Amino acid sequence: MSRALQIITRQQRAMSSALLAVRTIARKALRSGSGNTPGSSSASCCPRRDGDYVHRLMGYTASAIVLVRLSWAAVSRSHAGLAALRPSVSQSRAYLRLLVRGQAPRSAGHNPLGVWMVWLLWILVLLLGVTGWMSRLDAFWGDDFVHDAHALLADMMLIAVILHLAGVATMSWLWRENLPASMITGYKRPLR
């Protein structure tokens, strides 16, 4: 029997786990009503008000994790490195044609369409962090443009996540492979 193919390093798993932990902690804090700024007495009144402490902390942490992941990609020489994550229109078109025919080949890392999604998600997280930070600056006080841009980016992120999940489900079905399990364990069955 062939040995499993390692697709995710311990560092990548740690960063993904950190993002999941940030999300989980923030959701629990918001549900318990403790999402406001420390020392605020209005926790029971309005736990989800705009710009609350947990929301900001989650956004800044997610941005930091993406920056760390990009830094890791800059030095990595594996399929997780920037060289392997270079989007290509021609490769994406060819892959899409094969996908439509049900003949898309398996890959160790992201397929050409997945590479575009990786960059889209990273860019959206970073832009959400920047617009969230900008909305707290005095220079933009009372300016709805930054707040509206932040809300639009959040909607775009939600759509991108749904598309990403649909893509993972589709490729799992097409390849007869549990891709979410490979993302957790870091291993896939060998390519043929």
Protein backbone atom coordinates (compact mmCIF):
# COMPACT_ATOMS: atom_id res chain seq x y z
CA MET A 1 0.00 0.00 0.00
CA SER A 2 1.27 3.46 -0.86
CA ARG A 3 2.15 5.93 1.81
CA ALA A 4 -0.22 8.86 2.39
CA LEU A 5 0.76 12.17 0.84
CA GLN A 6 1.35 14.98 3.34
CA ILE A 7 -0.50 18.06 2.10
CA ILE A 8 -0.56 20.33 5.15
CA THR A 9 2.31 21.07 7.53
CA ARG A 10 1.99 21.37 11.28
CA GLN A 11 2.42 25.14 10.98
CA GLN A 12 -0.46 25.41 8.49
CA ARG A 13 -2.68 23.25 10.72
CA ALA A 14 -1.79 25.44 13.70
CA MET A 15 -2.76 28.60 11.79
CA SER A 16 -6.05 27.07 10.63
CA SER A 17 -6.79 25.89 14.16
CA ALA A 18 -6.03 29.38 15.48
CA LEU A 19 -8.54 30.91 13.04
CA LEU A 20 -11.15 28.36 14.09
CA ALA A 21 -10.43 29.02 17.78
CA VAL A 22 -10.78 32.79 17.30
CA ARG A 23 -14.12 32.29 15.58
CA THR A 24 -15.38 29.88 18.27
CA ILE A 25 -14.32 32.09 21.18
CA ALA A 26 -15.85 35.16 19.57
CA ARG A 27 -19.16 33.38 18.93
CA LYS A 28 -19.33 32.16 22.55
CA ALA A 29 -18.51 35.64 23.84
CA LEU A 30 -21.18 37.21 21.63
CA ARG A 31 -23.77 34.65 22.75
CA SER A 32 -22.96 35.20 26.42
CA GLY A 33 -23.28 38.96 26.04
CA SER A 34 -19.66 39.65 26.96
CA GLY A 35 -18.67 41.01 23.58
CA ASN A 36 -18.51 44.67 24.53
CA THR A 37 -15.48 46.67 25.45
CA PRO A 38 -13.94 45.56 28.75
CA GLY A 39 -15.47 47.48 31.63
CA SER A 40 -18.67 48.21 29.71
CA SER A 41 -21.84 47.85 31.74
CA SER A 42 -24.09 47.41 28.71
CA ALA A 43 -23.19 43.75 28.08
CA SER A 44 -26.70 42.49 28.83
CA CYS A 45 -28.33 45.31 26.87
CA CYS A 46 -26.63 45.10 23.50
CA PRO A 47 -24.09 42.30 23.12
CA ARG A 48 -23.84 42.70 19.33
CA ARG A 49 -23.46 46.41 18.82
CA ASP A 50 -21.26 47.56 15.96
CA GLY A 51 -17.54 47.78 16.68
CA ASP A 52 -17.61 45.73 19.86
CA TYR A 53 -14.38 44.50 21.43
CA VAL A 54 -14.67 40.83 20.46
CA HIS A 55 -15.57 41.73 16.86
CA ARG A 56 -12.47 43.90 16.57
CA LEU A 57 -10.25 41.37 18.32
CA MET A 58 -11.46 38.61 16.02
CA GLY A 59 -10.88 40.74 12.92
CA TYR A 60 -7.38 41.82 13.91
CA THR A 61 -6.45 38.27 14.91
CA ALA A 62 -7.75 36.85 11.61
CA SER A 63 -5.75 39.48 9.72
CA ALA A 64 -2.62 38.64 11.71
CA ILE A 65 -3.06 34.92 11.01
CA VAL A 66 -3.41 35.59 7.27
CA LEU A 67 -0.25 37.72 7.36
CA VAL A 68 1.61 34.92 9.15
CA ARG A 69 0.30 32.42 6.56
CA LEU A 70 1.46 34.67 3.71
CA SER A 71 4.86 34.98 5.38
CA TRP A 72 5.03 31.19 5.67
CA ALA A 73 4.10 30.85 1.99
CA ALA A 74 6.89 33.29 1.09
CA VAL A 75 9.55 31.01 2.58
CA SER A 76 7.98 27.60 1.88
CA ARG A 77 9.20 25.58 -1.08
CA SER A 78 6.35 23.02 -0.98
CA HIS A 79 2.93 23.10 -2.63
CA ALA A 80 1.99 25.58 0.13
CA GLY A 81 4.52 28.15 -1.08
CA LEU A 82 3.83 31.24 -3.14
CA ALA A 83 5.25 29.61 -6.26
CA ALA A 84 2.53 26.94 -6.10
CA LEU A 85 -0.12 29.53 -5.25
CA ARG A 86 0.38 31.64 -8.37
CA PRO A 87 -3.00 32.00 -10.12
CA SER A 88 -3.07 31.25 -13.84
CA VAL A 89 -5.96 32.13 -16.12
CA SER A 90 -4.95 29.57 -18.76
CA GLN A 91 -4.55 26.74 -16.23
CA SER A 92 -7.87 27.69 -14.63
CA ARG A 93 -9.68 27.61 -17.98
CA ALA A 94 -8.20 24.22 -18.86
CA TYR A 95 -9.05 22.86 -15.42
CA LEU A 96 -12.61 24.21 -15.64
CA ARG A 97 -13.10 22.44 -19.00
CA LEU A 98 -11.95 19.17 -17.44
CA LEU A 99 -14.11 19.78 -14.38
CA VAL A 100 -17.24 20.29 -16.49
CA ARG A 101 -16.55 16.92 -18.16
CA GLY A 102 -15.99 15.30 -14.74
CA GLN A 103 -12.32 14.65 -15.53
CA ALA A 104 -10.57 17.16 -13.26
CA PRO A 105 -7.30 15.61 -12.05
CA ARG A 106 -6.50 15.34 -8.35
CA SER A 107 -3.76 17.55 -7.00
CA ALA A 108 -1.54 17.50 -3.92
CA GLY A 109 -2.36 21.08 -3.03
CA HIS A 110 -4.95 23.48 -4.37
CA ASN A 111 -6.27 22.98 -7.87
CA PRO A 112 -6.07 26.00 -10.23
CA LEU A 113 -9.57 27.19 -9.27
CA GLY A 114 -8.82 26.70 -5.57
CA VAL A 115 -5.78 28.95 -5.86
CA TRP A 116 -8.04 31.84 -6.90
CA MET A 117 -10.27 31.17 -3.88
CA VAL A 118 -7.28 31.11 -1.52
CA TRP A 119 -6.22 34.56 -2.69
CA LEU A 120 -9.78 35.89 -2.62
CA LEU A 121 -10.28 34.75 0.98
CA TRP A 122 -6.91 36.11 2.11
CA ILE A 123 -7.53 39.47 0.43
CA LEU A 124 -11.04 39.74 1.88
CA VAL A 125 -9.80 38.97 5.42
CA LEU A 126 -7.07 41.61 5.09
CA LEU A 127 -9.43 44.22 3.60
CA LEU A 128 -11.96 43.53 6.35
CA GLY A 129 -9.21 44.10 8.92
CA VAL A 130 -8.09 47.35 7.27
CA THR A 131 -11.61 48.77 6.83
CA GLY A 132 -12.50 47.73 10.38
CA TRP A 133 -9.44 49.54 11.69
CA MET A 134 -10.16 52.58 9.49
CA SER A 135 -13.71 52.81 10.83
CA ARG A 136 -12.27 53.48 14.30
CA LEU A 137 -10.07 56.37 13.17
CA ASP A 138 -11.07 59.97 13.83
CA ALA A 139 -10.31 60.80 10.20
CA PHE A 140 -13.27 58.67 9.12
CA TRP A 141 -15.66 59.55 11.95
CA GLY A 142 -19.14 59.98 10.55
CA ASP A 143 -18.07 58.78 7.09
CA ASP A 144 -20.38 55.99 5.97
CA PHE A 145 -18.14 54.97 3.06
CA VAL A 146 -15.72 52.97 5.24
CA HIS A 147 -18.55 51.32 7.19
CA ASP A 148 -20.42 50.49 3.96
CA ALA A 149 -17.22 49.10 2.38
CA HIS A 150 -16.67 46.94 5.49
CA ALA A 151 -20.24 45.63 5.30
CA LEU A 152 -19.91 44.90 1.57
CA LEU A 153 -16.62 43.04 2.16
CA ALA A 154 -18.29 41.00 4.91
CA ASP A 155 -21.08 40.03 2.49
CA MET A 156 -18.50 39.14 -0.14
CA MET A 157 -16.65 37.01 2.43
CA LEU A 158 -19.84 35.13 3.25
CA ILE A 159 -20.46 34.42 -0.45
CA ALA A 160 -16.82 33.35 -0.94
CA VAL A 161 -17.00 30.98 2.04
CA ILE A 162 -20.20 29.42 0.68
CA LEU A 163 -18.57 29.00 -2.76
CA HIS A 164 -15.46 27.54 -1.12
CA LEU A 165 -17.53 24.99 0.82
CA ALA A 166 -19.43 24.11 -2.35
CA GLY A 167 -16.13 23.65 -4.19
CA VAL A 168 -14.73 21.41 -1.45
CA ALA A 169 -17.93 19.33 -1.45
CA THR A 170 -17.91 19.06 -5.26
CA MET A 171 -14.27 18.01 -5.46
CA SER A 172 -14.69 15.57 -2.56
CA TRP A 173 -17.56 13.94 -4.44
CA LEU A 174 -15.79 14.00 -7.81
CA TRP A 175 -12.52 12.58 -6.47
CA ARG A 176 -14.22 10.22 -3.99
CA GLU A 177 -12.00 11.71 -1.29
CA ASN A 178 -12.81 13.32 2.04
CA LEU A 179 -11.07 16.67 1.53
CA PRO A 180 -12.17 18.14 4.90
CA ALA A 181 -10.50 15.16 6.62
CA SER A 182 -7.31 15.78 4.62
CA MET A 183 -7.37 19.42 5.72
CA ILE A 184 -7.57 18.32 9.36
CA THR A 185 -5.07 15.45 9.28
CA GLY A 186 -2.77 16.99 6.67
CA TYR A 187 -2.67 13.80 4.61
CA LYS A 188 -4.24 12.65 1.34
CA ARG A 189 -4.07 9.34 -0.45
CA PRO A 190 -1.18 9.32 -2.96
CA LEU A 191 -1.67 10.80 -6.41
CA ARG A 192 -1.66 8.28 -9.27
